[in-house]
PDB file of all heavy atoms in Angstrom:
ATOM      1  N   THR A   1      -1.585   3.880   0.369  1.00  0.00           N
ATOM      2  CA  THR A   1      -0.523   3.019   0.738  1.00  0.00           C
ATOM      3  C   THR A   1      -1.113   1.638   1.173  1.00  0.00           C
ATOM      4  O   THR A   1      -2.172   1.560   1.561  1.00  0.00           O
ATOM      5  CB  THR A   1       0.272   3.554   1.967  1.00  0.00           C
ATOM      6  OG1 THR A   1      -0.650   3.846   3.002  1.00  0.00           O
ATOM      7  CG2 THR A   1       0.974   4.836   1.557  1.00  0.00           C
ATOM      8  N   ILE A   2      -0.296   0.581   1.091  1.00  0.00           N
ATOM      9  CA  ILE A   2      -0.711  -0.728   1.322  1.00  0.00           C
ATOM     10  C   ILE A   2       0.305  -1.470   2.238  1.00  0.00           C
ATOM     11  O   ILE A   2       1.511  -1.331   1.935  1.00  0.00           O
ATOM     12  CB  ILE A   2      -0.861  -1.613   0.033  1.00  0.00           C
ATOM     13  CG1 ILE A   2      -1.733  -0.884  -1.009  1.00  0.00           C
ATOM     14  CG2 ILE A   2      -1.371  -3.002   0.278  1.00  0.00           C
ATOM     15  CD1 ILE A   2      -1.544  -1.493  -2.400  1.00  0.00           C
ATOM     16  N   GLY A   3      -0.125  -2.066   3.336  1.00  0.00           N
ATOM     17  CA  GLY A   3       0.825  -2.735   4.284  1.00  0.00           C
ATOM     18  C   GLY A   3       0.121  -3.271   5.426  1.00  0.00           C
ATOM     19  O   GLY A   3      -1.073  -3.218   5.555  1.00  0.00           O
ATOM     20  N   ARG A   4       0.990  -3.737   6.379  1.00  0.00           N
ATOM     21  CA  ARG A   4       0.507  -4.349   7.583  1.00  0.00           C
ATOM     22  C   ARG A   4       0.125  -3.362   8.673  1.00  0.00           C
ATOM     23  O   ARG A   4      -0.693  -3.612   9.542  1.00  0.00           O
ATOM     24  CB  ARG A   4       1.530  -5.348   8.155  1.00  0.00           C
ATOM     25  CG  ARG A   4       0.884  -6.412   9.031  1.00  0.00           C
ATOM     26  CD  ARG A   4       1.948  -7.507   9.457  1.00  0.00           C
ATOM     27  NE  ARG A   4       2.973  -6.970  10.262  1.00  0.00           N
ATOM     28  CZ  ARG A   4       4.227  -6.886   9.929  1.00  0.00           C
ATOM     29  NH1 ARG A   4       4.495  -7.183   8.616  1.00  0.00           N
ATOM     30  NH2 ARG A   4       5.202  -6.369  10.701  1.00  0.00           N
ATOM     31  N   ARG A   5       0.772  -2.173   8.670  1.00  0.00           N
ATOM     32  CA  ARG A   5       0.507  -1.175   9.669  1.00  0.00           C
ATOM     33  C   ARG A   5      -1.018  -0.587   9.507  1.00  0.00           C
ATOM     34  O   ARG A   5      -1.448  -0.458   8.352  1.00  0.00           O
ATOM     35  CB  ARG A   5       1.555   0.003   9.541  1.00  0.00           C
ATOM     36  CG  ARG A   5       2.980  -0.371   9.950  1.00  0.00           C
ATOM     37  CD  ARG A   5       3.823   0.818   9.786  1.00  0.00           C
ATOM     38  NE  ARG A   5       5.166   0.410   9.983  1.00  0.00           N
ATOM     39  CZ  ARG A   5       6.242   1.153   9.601  1.00  0.00           C
ATOM     40  NH1 ARG A   5       6.057   2.216   8.945  1.00  0.00           N
ATOM     41  NH2 ARG A   5       7.527   0.770   9.873  1.00  0.00           N
ATOM     42  N   GLU A   6      -1.463  -0.325  10.641  1.00  0.00           N
ATOM     43  CA  GLU A   6      -2.886   0.298  10.662  1.00  0.00           C
ATOM     44  C   GLU A   6      -2.933   1.639  10.063  1.00  0.00           C
ATOM     45  O   GLU A   6      -4.049   2.081   9.666  1.00  0.00           O
ATOM     46  CB  GLU A   6      -3.470   0.223  12.073  1.00  0.00           C
ATOM     47  CG  GLU A   6      -3.639  -1.074  12.641  1.00  0.00           C
ATOM     48  CD  GLU A   6      -4.259  -1.036  14.028  1.00  0.00           C
ATOM     49  OE1 GLU A   6      -4.603   0.079  14.464  1.00  0.00           O
ATOM     50  OE2 GLU A   6      -4.503  -2.056  14.600  1.00  0.00           O
ATOM     51  N   SER A   7      -1.869   2.319   9.817  1.00  0.00           N
ATOM     52  CA  SER A   7      -1.825   3.676   9.258  1.00  0.00           C
ATOM     53  C   SER A   7      -2.034   3.622   7.653  1.00  0.00           C
ATOM     54  O   SER A   7      -2.203   4.679   7.039  1.00  0.00           O
ATOM     55  CB  SER A   7      -0.576   4.395   9.566  1.00  0.00           C
ATOM     56  OG  SER A   7       0.584   3.651   9.116  1.00  0.00           O
ATOM     57  N   ASN A   8      -1.897   2.381   7.121  1.00  0.00           N
ATOM     58  CA  ASN A   8      -2.095   2.325   5.661  1.00  0.00           C
ATOM     59  C   ASN A   8      -3.601   2.488   5.254  1.00  0.00           C
ATOM     60  O   ASN A   8      -4.473   2.156   6.082  1.00  0.00           O
ATOM     61  CB  ASN A   8      -1.643   0.944   5.286  1.00  0.00           C
ATOM     62  CG  ASN A   8      -0.066   0.832   5.288  1.00  0.00           C
ATOM     63  OD1 ASN A   8       0.583   1.470   4.461  1.00  0.00           O
ATOM     64  ND2 ASN A   8       0.368   0.053   6.177  1.00  0.00           N
ATOM     65  N   ASP A   9      -3.763   2.815   4.018  1.00  0.00           N
ATOM     66  CA  ASP A   9      -5.123   2.912   3.508  1.00  0.00           C
ATOM     67  C   ASP A   9      -5.733   1.550   3.327  1.00  0.00           C
ATOM     68  O   ASP A   9      -6.886   1.371   3.528  1.00  0.00           O
ATOM     69  CB  ASP A   9      -5.123   3.735   2.162  1.00  0.00           C
ATOM     70  CG  ASP A   9      -4.570   5.080   2.345  1.00  0.00           C
ATOM     71  OD1 ASP A   9      -5.277   5.937   2.924  1.00  0.00           O
ATOM     72  OD2 ASP A   9      -3.426   5.386   1.857  1.00  0.00           O
ATOM     73  N   ILE A  10      -4.924   0.580   2.800  1.00  0.00           N
ATOM     74  CA  ILE A  10      -5.277  -0.793   2.652  1.00  0.00           C
ATOM     75  C   ILE A  10      -4.528  -1.596   3.672  1.00  0.00           C
ATOM     76  O   ILE A  10      -3.275  -1.698   3.443  1.00  0.00           O
ATOM     77  CB  ILE A  10      -5.186  -1.312   1.296  1.00  0.00           C
ATOM     78  CG1 ILE A  10      -6.001  -0.381   0.286  1.00  0.00           C
ATOM     79  CG2 ILE A  10      -5.550  -2.728   1.147  1.00  0.00           C
ATOM     80  CD1 ILE A  10      -5.916  -0.908  -1.159  1.00  0.00           C
ATOM     81  N   VAL A  11      -5.080  -2.112   4.705  1.00  0.00           N
ATOM     82  CA  VAL A  11      -4.351  -2.813   5.727  1.00  0.00           C
ATOM     83  C   VAL A  11      -4.477  -4.382   5.433  1.00  0.00           C
ATOM     84  O   VAL A  11      -5.613  -4.880   5.259  1.00  0.00           O
ATOM     85  CB  VAL A  11      -4.883  -2.504   7.142  1.00  0.00           C
ATOM     86  CG1 VAL A  11      -4.147  -3.361   8.223  1.00  0.00           C
ATOM     87  CG2 VAL A  11      -4.730  -1.029   7.521  1.00  0.00           C
ATOM     88  N   ILE A  12      -3.367  -5.061   5.360  1.00  0.00           N
ATOM     89  CA  ILE A  12      -3.382  -6.498   5.176  1.00  0.00           C
ATOM     90  C   ILE A  12      -2.629  -7.089   6.315  1.00  0.00           C
ATOM     91  O   ILE A  12      -1.451  -7.100   6.488  1.00  0.00           O
ATOM     92  CB  ILE A  12      -2.633  -6.882   3.829  1.00  0.00           C
ATOM     93  CG1 ILE A  12      -3.370  -6.208   2.584  1.00  0.00           C
ATOM     94  CG2 ILE A  12      -2.705  -8.430   3.641  1.00  0.00           C
ATOM     95  CD1 ILE A  12      -2.615  -6.544   1.287  1.00  0.00           C
ATOM     96  N   GLU A  13      -3.483  -7.760   7.188  1.00  0.00           N
ATOM     97  CA  GLU A  13      -2.837  -8.299   8.343  1.00  0.00           C
ATOM     98  C   GLU A  13      -2.327  -9.722   8.117  1.00  0.00           C
ATOM     99  O   GLU A  13      -2.974 -10.778   8.273  1.00  0.00           O
ATOM    100  CB  GLU A  13      -3.990  -8.366   9.487  1.00  0.00           C
ATOM    101  CG  GLU A  13      -4.457  -7.011   9.888  1.00  0.00           C
ATOM    102  CD  GLU A  13      -5.566  -7.066  10.970  1.00  0.00           C
ATOM    103  OE1 GLU A  13      -5.903  -8.164  11.307  1.00  0.00           O
ATOM    104  OE2 GLU A  13      -6.012  -6.058  11.389  1.00  0.00           O
ATOM    105  N   ASN A  14      -1.042  -9.738   7.662  1.00  0.00           N
ATOM    106  CA  ASN A  14      -0.352 -11.017   7.410  1.00  0.00           C
ATOM    107  C   ASN A  14       1.144 -10.766   7.545  1.00  0.00           C
ATOM    108  O   ASN A  14       1.640  -9.801   7.156  1.00  0.00           O
ATOM    109  CB  ASN A  14      -0.665 -11.372   5.970  1.00  0.00           C
ATOM    110  CG  ASN A  14      -0.162 -12.838   5.666  1.00  0.00           C
ATOM    111  OD1 ASN A  14       1.017 -13.042   5.577  1.00  0.00           O
ATOM    112  ND2 ASN A  14      -1.068 -13.825   5.503  1.00  0.00           N
ATOM    113  N   LEU A  15       1.797 -11.745   8.327  1.00  0.00           N
ATOM    114  CA  LEU A  15       3.221 -11.582   8.652  1.00  0.00           C
ATOM    115  C   LEU A  15       4.124 -11.538   7.379  1.00  0.00           C
ATOM    116  O   LEU A  15       5.154 -11.079   7.427  1.00  0.00           O
ATOM    117  CB  LEU A  15       3.656 -12.697   9.552  1.00  0.00           C
ATOM    118  CG  LEU A  15       3.061 -12.659  10.955  1.00  0.00           C
ATOM    119  CD1 LEU A  15       3.585 -13.938  11.726  1.00  0.00           C
ATOM    120  CD2 LEU A  15       3.458 -11.394  11.631  1.00  0.00           C
ATOM    121  N   ALA A  16       3.599 -12.031   6.272  1.00  0.00           N
ATOM    122  CA  ALA A  16       4.363 -11.990   5.015  1.00  0.00           C
ATOM    123  C   ALA A  16       4.333 -10.600   4.402  1.00  0.00           C
ATOM    124  O   ALA A  16       5.070 -10.343   3.371  1.00  0.00           O
ATOM    125  CB  ALA A  16       3.805 -13.002   3.955  1.00  0.00           C
ATOM    126  N   VAL A  17       3.513  -9.724   4.897  1.00  0.00           N
ATOM    127  CA  VAL A  17       3.367  -8.344   4.402  1.00  0.00           C
ATOM    128  C   VAL A  17       4.130  -7.332   5.226  1.00  0.00           C
ATOM    129  O   VAL A  17       4.052  -7.427   6.425  1.00  0.00           O
ATOM    130  CB  VAL A  17       1.808  -7.912   4.358  1.00  0.00           C
ATOM    131  CG1 VAL A  17       1.695  -6.464   3.898  1.00  0.00           C
ATOM    132  CG2 VAL A  17       1.017  -8.982   3.563  1.00  0.00           C
ATOM    133  N   SER A  18       4.907  -6.603   4.565  1.00  0.00           N
ATOM    134  CA  SER A  18       5.720  -5.511   5.271  1.00  0.00           C
ATOM    135  C   SER A  18       4.899  -4.442   5.895  1.00  0.00           C
ATOM    136  O   SER A  18       3.755  -4.195   5.422  1.00  0.00           O
ATOM    137  CB  SER A  18       6.818  -4.927   4.352  1.00  0.00           C
ATOM    138  OG  SER A  18       7.671  -5.926   3.906  1.00  0.00           O
ATOM    139  N   GLY A  19       5.353  -3.699   6.879  1.00  0.00           N
ATOM    140  CA  GLY A  19       4.622  -2.616   7.476  1.00  0.00           C
ATOM    141  C   GLY A  19       4.113  -1.631   6.418  1.00  0.00           C
ATOM    142  O   GLY A  19       3.013  -1.128   6.392  1.00  0.00           O
ATOM    143  N   MET A  20       5.070  -1.140   5.624  1.00  0.00           N
ATOM    144  CA  MET A  20       4.758  -0.333   4.454  1.00  0.00           C
ATOM    145  C   MET A  20       5.168  -1.122   3.229  1.00  0.00           C
ATOM    146  O   MET A  20       6.402  -1.088   2.861  1.00  0.00           O
ATOM    147  CB  MET A  20       5.475   1.052   4.529  1.00  0.00           C
ATOM    148  CG  MET A  20       5.069   1.952   5.731  1.00  0.00           C
ATOM    149  SD  MET A  20       3.414   2.557   5.510  1.00  0.00           S
ATOM    150  CE  MET A  20       3.634   3.558   4.023  1.00  0.00           C
ATOM    151  N   HIS A  21       4.255  -1.748   2.615  1.00  0.00           N
ATOM    152  CA  HIS A  21       4.616  -2.729   1.561  1.00  0.00           C
ATOM    153  C   HIS A  21       4.673  -2.086   0.184  1.00  0.00           C
ATOM    154  O   HIS A  21       5.625  -2.356  -0.610  1.00  0.00           O
ATOM    155  CB  HIS A  21       3.631  -3.965   1.626  1.00  0.00           C
ATOM    156  CG  HIS A  21       4.164  -5.074   0.906  1.00  0.00           C
ATOM    157  ND1 HIS A  21       4.656  -6.271   1.535  1.00  0.00           N
ATOM    158  CD2 HIS A  21       4.256  -5.440  -0.419  1.00  0.00           C
ATOM    159  CE1 HIS A  21       5.028  -7.214   0.602  1.00  0.00           C
ATOM    160  NE2 HIS A  21       4.729  -6.602  -0.586  1.00  0.00           N
ATOM    161  N   ALA A  22       3.619  -1.394  -0.186  1.00  0.00           N
ATOM    162  CA  ALA A  22       3.592  -0.800  -1.527  1.00  0.00           C
ATOM    163  C   ALA A  22       2.588   0.383  -1.561  1.00  0.00           C
ATOM    164  O   ALA A  22       2.015   0.687  -0.523  1.00  0.00           O
ATOM    165  CB  ALA A  22       2.983  -1.848  -2.582  1.00  0.00           C
ATOM    166  N   LYS A  23       2.675   1.114  -2.598  1.00  0.00           N
ATOM    167  CA  LYS A  23       1.729   2.293  -2.719  1.00  0.00           C
ATOM    168  C   LYS A  23       1.197   2.414  -4.150  1.00  0.00           C
ATOM    169  O   LYS A  23       1.834   1.849  -5.127  1.00  0.00           O
ATOM    170  CB  LYS A  23       2.472   3.630  -2.344  1.00  0.00           C
ATOM    171  CG  LYS A  23       3.574   4.104  -3.270  1.00  0.00           C
ATOM    172  CD  LYS A  23       4.065   5.460  -2.851  1.00  0.00           C
ATOM    173  CE  LYS A  23       5.213   5.870  -3.812  1.00  0.00           C
ATOM    174  NZ  LYS A  23       5.603   7.264  -3.600  1.00  0.00           N
ATOM    175  N   VAL A  24       0.174   3.092  -4.301  1.00  0.00           N
ATOM    176  CA  VAL A  24      -0.427   3.360  -5.695  1.00  0.00           C
ATOM    177  C   VAL A  24      -0.624   4.861  -5.762  1.00  0.00           C
ATOM    178  O   VAL A  24      -1.281   5.538  -4.907  1.00  0.00           O
ATOM    179  CB  VAL A  24      -1.814   2.702  -5.791  1.00  0.00           C
ATOM    180  CG1 VAL A  24      -2.389   3.066  -7.207  1.00  0.00           C
ATOM    181  CG2 VAL A  24      -1.664   1.126  -5.772  1.00  0.00           C
ATOM    182  N   ASP A  25       0.097   5.517  -6.722  1.00  0.00           N
ATOM    183  CA  ASP A  25      -0.057   6.929  -6.930  1.00  0.00           C
ATOM    184  C   ASP A  25      -0.924   7.202  -8.160  1.00  0.00           C
ATOM    185  O   ASP A  25      -0.806   6.630  -9.230  1.00  0.00           O
ATOM    186  CB  ASP A  25       1.442   7.522  -7.336  1.00  0.00           C
ATOM    187  CG  ASP A  25       2.367   7.413  -6.122  1.00  0.00           C
ATOM    188  OD1 ASP A  25       1.896   7.808  -4.956  1.00  0.00           O
ATOM    189  OD2 ASP A  25       3.559   6.939  -6.219  1.00  0.00           O
ATOM    190  N   SER A  26      -1.759   8.207  -7.968  1.00  0.00           N
ATOM    191  CA  SER A  26      -2.613   8.679  -9.024  1.00  0.00           C
ATOM    192  C   SER A  26      -1.866   9.795  -9.793  1.00  0.00           C
ATOM    193  O   SER A  26      -1.533  10.828  -9.295  1.00  0.00           O
ATOM    194  CB  SER A  26      -3.887   9.272  -8.524  1.00  0.00           C
ATOM    195  OG  SER A  26      -4.716   9.933  -9.466  1.00  0.00           O
ATOM    196  N   ILE A  27      -1.508   9.429 -11.093  1.00  0.00           N
ATOM    197  CA  ILE A  27      -0.674  10.348 -11.892  1.00  0.00           C
ATOM    198  C   ILE A  27      -1.279  10.507 -13.254  1.00  0.00           C
ATOM    199  O   ILE A  27      -1.376   9.559 -14.044  1.00  0.00           O
ATOM    200  CB  ILE A  27       0.816   9.790 -12.027  1.00  0.00           C
ATOM    201  CG1 ILE A  27       1.445   9.592 -10.676  1.00  0.00           C
ATOM    202  CG2 ILE A  27       1.572  10.781 -12.865  1.00  0.00           C
ATOM    203  CD1 ILE A  27       2.720   8.850 -10.752  1.00  0.00           C
ATOM    204  N   ASP A  28      -1.740  11.823 -13.559  1.00  0.00           N
ATOM    205  CA  ASP A  28      -2.407  12.024 -14.865  1.00  0.00           C
ATOM    206  C   ASP A  28      -3.348  10.966 -15.300  1.00  0.00           C
ATOM    207  O   ASP A  28      -3.308  10.491 -16.367  1.00  0.00           O
ATOM    208  CB  ASP A  28      -1.238  12.122 -15.928  1.00  0.00           C
ATOM    209  CG  ASP A  28      -0.194  13.296 -15.624  1.00  0.00           C
ATOM    210  OD1 ASP A  28      -0.702  14.193 -15.016  1.00  0.00           O
ATOM    211  OD2 ASP A  28       0.889  13.270 -16.122  1.00  0.00           O
ATOM    212  N   LYS A  29      -4.314  10.653 -14.395  1.00  0.00           N
ATOM    213  CA  LYS A  29      -5.404   9.820 -14.671  1.00  0.00           C
ATOM    214  C   LYS A  29      -4.912   8.338 -14.700  1.00  0.00           C
ATOM    215  O   LYS A  29      -5.817   7.416 -14.916  1.00  0.00           O
ATOM    216  CB  LYS A  29      -6.066  10.062 -16.036  1.00  0.00           C
ATOM    217  CG  LYS A  29      -6.851  11.462 -15.938  1.00  0.00           C
ATOM    218  CD  LYS A  29      -7.746  11.730 -17.168  1.00  0.00           C
ATOM    219  CE  LYS A  29      -8.429  13.078 -17.034  1.00  0.00           C
ATOM    220  NZ  LYS A  29      -9.274  13.359 -18.269  1.00  0.00           N
ATOM    221  N   GLY A  30      -3.651   8.017 -14.646  1.00  0.00           N
ATOM    222  CA  GLY A  30      -3.180   6.702 -14.465  1.00  0.00           C
ATOM    223  C   GLY A  30      -2.818   6.313 -13.087  1.00  0.00           C
ATOM    224  O   GLY A  30      -2.794   7.236 -12.220  1.00  0.00           O
ATOM    225  N   TYR A  31      -2.630   5.058 -12.800  1.00  0.00           N
ATOM    226  CA  TYR A  31      -2.375   4.619 -11.502  1.00  0.00           C
ATOM    227  C   TYR A  31      -1.063   3.719 -11.426  1.00  0.00           C
ATOM    228  O   TYR A  31      -1.045   2.714 -12.054  1.00  0.00           O
ATOM    229  CB  TYR A  31      -3.562   3.800 -10.863  1.00  0.00           C
ATOM    230  CG  TYR A  31      -4.763   4.680 -10.715  1.00  0.00           C
ATOM    231  CD1 TYR A  31      -5.603   4.846 -11.768  1.00  0.00           C
ATOM    232  CD2 TYR A  31      -4.986   5.393  -9.545  1.00  0.00           C
ATOM    233  CE1 TYR A  31      -6.714   5.675 -11.665  1.00  0.00           C
ATOM    234  CE2 TYR A  31      -5.998   6.209  -9.389  1.00  0.00           C
ATOM    235  CZ  TYR A  31      -6.953   6.327 -10.479  1.00  0.00           C
ATOM    236  OH  TYR A  31      -7.957   7.246 -10.332  1.00  0.00           O
ATOM    237  N   LEU A  32      -0.057   4.241 -10.723  1.00  0.00           N
ATOM    238  CA  LEU A  32       1.254   3.609 -10.723  1.00  0.00           C
ATOM    239  C   LEU A  32       1.489   2.953  -9.441  1.00  0.00           C
ATOM    240  O   LEU A  32       1.469   3.537  -8.339  1.00  0.00           O
ATOM    241  CB  LEU A  32       2.343   4.704 -10.886  1.00  0.00           C
ATOM    242  CG  LEU A  32       3.737   4.245 -10.946  1.00  0.00           C
ATOM    243  CD1 LEU A  32       4.059   3.328 -12.174  1.00  0.00           C
ATOM    244  CD2 LEU A  32       4.759   5.390 -10.897  1.00  0.00           C
ATOM    245  N   LEU A  33       1.687   1.573  -9.474  1.00  0.00           N
ATOM    246  CA  LEU A  33       2.046   0.777  -8.296  1.00  0.00           C
ATOM    247  C   LEU A  33       3.546   0.706  -8.065  1.00  0.00           C
ATOM    248  O   LEU A  33       4.231   0.561  -9.078  1.00  0.00           O
ATOM    249  CB  LEU A  33       1.428  -0.674  -8.568  1.00  0.00           C
ATOM    250  CG  LEU A  33       1.895  -1.711  -7.540  1.00  0.00           C
ATOM    251  CD1 LEU A  33       1.143  -1.482  -6.237  1.00  0.00           C
ATOM    252  CD2 LEU A  33       1.659  -3.089  -8.168  1.00  0.00           C
ATOM    253  N   THR A  34       3.847   0.978  -6.930  1.00  0.00           N
ATOM    254  CA  THR A  34       5.372   0.922  -6.516  1.00  0.00           C
ATOM    255  C   THR A  34       5.566   0.066  -5.303  1.00  0.00           C
ATOM    256  O   THR A  34       4.891   0.277  -4.287  1.00  0.00           O
ATOM    257  CB  THR A  34       5.846   2.406  -6.199  1.00  0.00           C
ATOM    258  OG1 THR A  34       5.598   3.232  -7.330  1.00  0.00           O
ATOM    259  CG2 THR A  34       7.350   2.390  -5.888  1.00  0.00           C
TER     260      THR A  34
END
C-alpha cells in the first residue's frame, strides 16, 4: 500500500497524498496498480 499514513508499506509524507492513496497487487507474476 502507498499513502501518507505510517501503516503503509510506502509512506509519502505530503499533504497532497491521501492516507491510503493507492496499492499494488501481485497477481500472476504481474503487478496491478489501483
